[in-house]
């Protein structure tokens, strides 16, 4: 599939070259809604980890992992 904006070959909905979202307009709201729901769940997980009574180094690593999951979500857009 090629990007509708720059014509670059793409493997996901978001063009890695220009950043254009390449999906039908009616599906954009669905994709964004799904992204926001997943991000909200991950943010709640961070809040739960912050409240846990565990060593700070373990807490930091768990939060890093969740933040990486959030960043990976952005690649789907």
C-alpha atoms as a PDB file:
ATOM      1  CA  UNK A   1       0.000   0.000   0.000  1.00  0.00           C
ATOM      2  CA  UNK A   2       1.191   3.524  -0.723  1.00  0.00           C
ATOM      3  CA  UNK A   3       0.723   6.675   1.342  1.00  0.00           C
ATOM      4  CA  UNK A   4      -2.097   8.857   0.033  1.00  0.00           C
ATOM      5  CA  UNK A   5      -0.035  11.984   0.795  1.00  0.00           C
ATOM      6  CA  UNK A   6       3.549  11.287  -0.316  1.00  0.00           C
ATOM      7  CA  UNK A   7       3.255   7.994  -2.230  1.00  0.00           C
ATOM      8  CA  UNK A   8       5.808   6.206  -0.071  1.00  0.00           C
ATOM      9  CA  UNK A   9       5.349   2.473   0.469  1.00  0.00           C
ATOM     10  CA  UNK A  10       3.807   1.845   3.900  1.00  0.00           C
ATOM     11  CA  UNK A  11       3.278  -1.181   6.127  1.00  0.00           C
ATOM     12  CA  UNK A  12       1.005   0.399   8.756  1.00  0.00           C
ATOM     13  CA  UNK A  13      -1.766   2.992   8.803  1.00  0.00           C
ATOM     14  CA  UNK A  14       0.689   5.783   9.642  1.00  0.00           C
ATOM     15  CA  UNK A  15       3.274   6.665   7.009  1.00  0.00           C
ATOM     16  CA  UNK A  16       6.763   6.356   8.484  1.00  0.00           C
ATOM     17  CA  UNK A  17       8.032   9.010   6.068  1.00  0.00           C
ATOM     18  CA  UNK A  18       5.541  11.881   6.313  1.00  0.00           C
ATOM     19  CA  UNK A  19       3.338  10.806   9.258  1.00  0.00           C
ATOM     20  CA  UNK A  20       0.042  10.854   7.345  1.00  0.00           C
ATOM     21  CA  UNK A  21      -2.709   8.602   8.663  1.00  0.00           C
ATOM     22  CA  UNK A  22      -3.763   6.420   5.721  1.00  0.00           C
ATOM     23  CA  UNK A  23      -7.187   5.064   6.535  1.00  0.00           C
ATOM     24  CA  UNK A  24     -10.690   5.864   5.383  1.00  0.00           C
ATOM     25  CA  UNK A  25     -12.038   9.010   7.027  1.00  0.00           C
ATOM     26  CA  UNK A  26     -14.944   7.191   8.669  1.00  0.00           C
ATOM     27  CA  UNK A  27     -12.496   4.826  10.380  1.00  0.00           C
ATOM     28  CA  UNK A  28     -10.215   7.537  11.795  1.00  0.00           C
ATOM     29  CA  UNK A  29     -12.517   8.210  14.735  1.00  0.00           C
ATOM     30  CA  UNK A  30     -12.719   4.476  15.464  1.00  0.00           C
ATOM     31  CA  UNK A  31      -8.933   4.122  15.373  1.00  0.00           C
ATOM     32  CA  UNK A  32      -8.434   7.157  17.607  1.00  0.00           C
ATOM     33  CA  UNK A  33     -11.093   5.962  20.031  1.00  0.00           C
ATOM     34  CA  UNK A  34      -9.441   2.549  20.281  1.00  0.00           C
ATOM     35  CA  UNK A  35      -6.025   4.187  20.765  1.00  0.00           C
ATOM     36  CA  UNK A  36      -7.364   6.449  23.517  1.00  0.00           C
ATOM     37  CA  UNK A  37      -9.010   3.525  25.327  1.00  0.00           C
ATOM     38  CA  UNK A  38      -5.809   1.477  25.245  1.00  0.00           C
ATOM     39  CA  UNK A  39      -3.739   4.452  26.367  1.00  0.00           C
ATOM     40  CA  UNK A  40      -6.142   5.126  29.253  1.00  0.00           C
ATOM     41  CA  UNK A  41      -5.825   1.512  30.437  1.00  0.00           C
ATOM     42  CA  UNK A  42      -2.033   1.758  30.323  1.00  0.00           C
ATOM     43  CA  UNK A  43      -2.072   5.067  32.225  1.00  0.00           C
ATOM     44  CA  UNK A  44      -4.191   3.434  34.942  1.00  0.00           C
ATOM     45  CA  UNK A  45      -1.649   0.618  35.127  1.00  0.00           C
ATOM     46  CA  UNK A  46       1.080   3.206  35.735  1.00  0.00           C
ATOM     47  CA  UNK A  47      -0.992   4.732  38.546  1.00  0.00           C
ATOM     48  CA  UNK A  48      -1.440   1.284  40.129  1.00  0.00           C
ATOM     49  CA  UNK A  49       2.288   0.534  39.908  1.00  0.00           C
ATOM     50  CA  UNK A  50       3.109   3.881  41.533  1.00  0.00           C
ATOM     51  CA  UNK A  51       0.917   2.913  44.513  1.00  0.00           C
ATOM     52  CA  UNK A  52       2.527  -0.519  44.917  1.00  0.00           C
ATOM     53  CA  UNK A  53       4.799  -1.207  47.871  1.00  0.00           C
ATOM     54  CA  UNK A  54       7.740  -2.558  45.896  1.00  0.00           C
ATOM     55  CA  UNK A  55      11.387  -1.493  45.590  1.00  0.00           C
ATOM     56  CA  UNK A  56      11.824   1.727  43.587  1.00  0.00           C
ATOM     57  CA  UNK A  57      14.063   0.040  41.008  1.00  0.00           C
ATOM     58  CA  UNK A  58      11.354  -2.555  40.271  1.00  0.00           C
ATOM     59  CA  UNK A  59       8.684   0.140  40.180  1.00  0.00           C
ATOM     60  CA  UNK A  60      10.777   2.217  37.768  1.00  0.00           C
ATOM     61  CA  UNK A  61      11.296  -0.773  35.443  1.00  0.00           C
ATOM     62  CA  UNK A  62       7.583  -1.640  35.439  1.00  0.00           C
ATOM     63  CA  UNK A  63       6.678   1.958  34.592  1.00  0.00           C
ATOM     64  CA  UNK A  64       9.300   2.014  31.814  1.00  0.00           C
ATOM     65  CA  UNK A  65       7.783  -1.122  30.307  1.00  0.00           C
ATOM     66  CA  UNK A  66       4.290   0.379  30.360  1.00  0.00           C
ATOM     67  CA  UNK A  67       5.570   3.625  28.831  1.00  0.00           C
ATOM     68  CA  UNK A  68       7.159   1.553  26.052  1.00  0.00           C
ATOM     69  CA  UNK A  69       3.763  -0.049  25.419  1.00  0.00           C
ATOM     70  CA  UNK A  70       2.245   3.440  25.125  1.00  0.00           C
ATOM     71  CA  UNK A  71       4.962   4.458  22.658  1.00  0.00           C
ATOM     72  CA  UNK A  72       4.323   1.305  20.625  1.00  0.00           C
ATOM     73  CA  UNK A  73       0.655   2.284  20.400  1.00  0.00           C
ATOM     74  CA  UNK A  74       1.706   5.494  18.655  1.00  0.00           C
ATOM     75  CA  UNK A  75       3.324   3.416  15.908  1.00  0.00           C
ATOM     76  CA  UNK A  76      -0.068   1.968  15.042  1.00  0.00           C
ATOM     77  CA  UNK A  77      -1.500   5.407  14.249  1.00  0.00           C
END
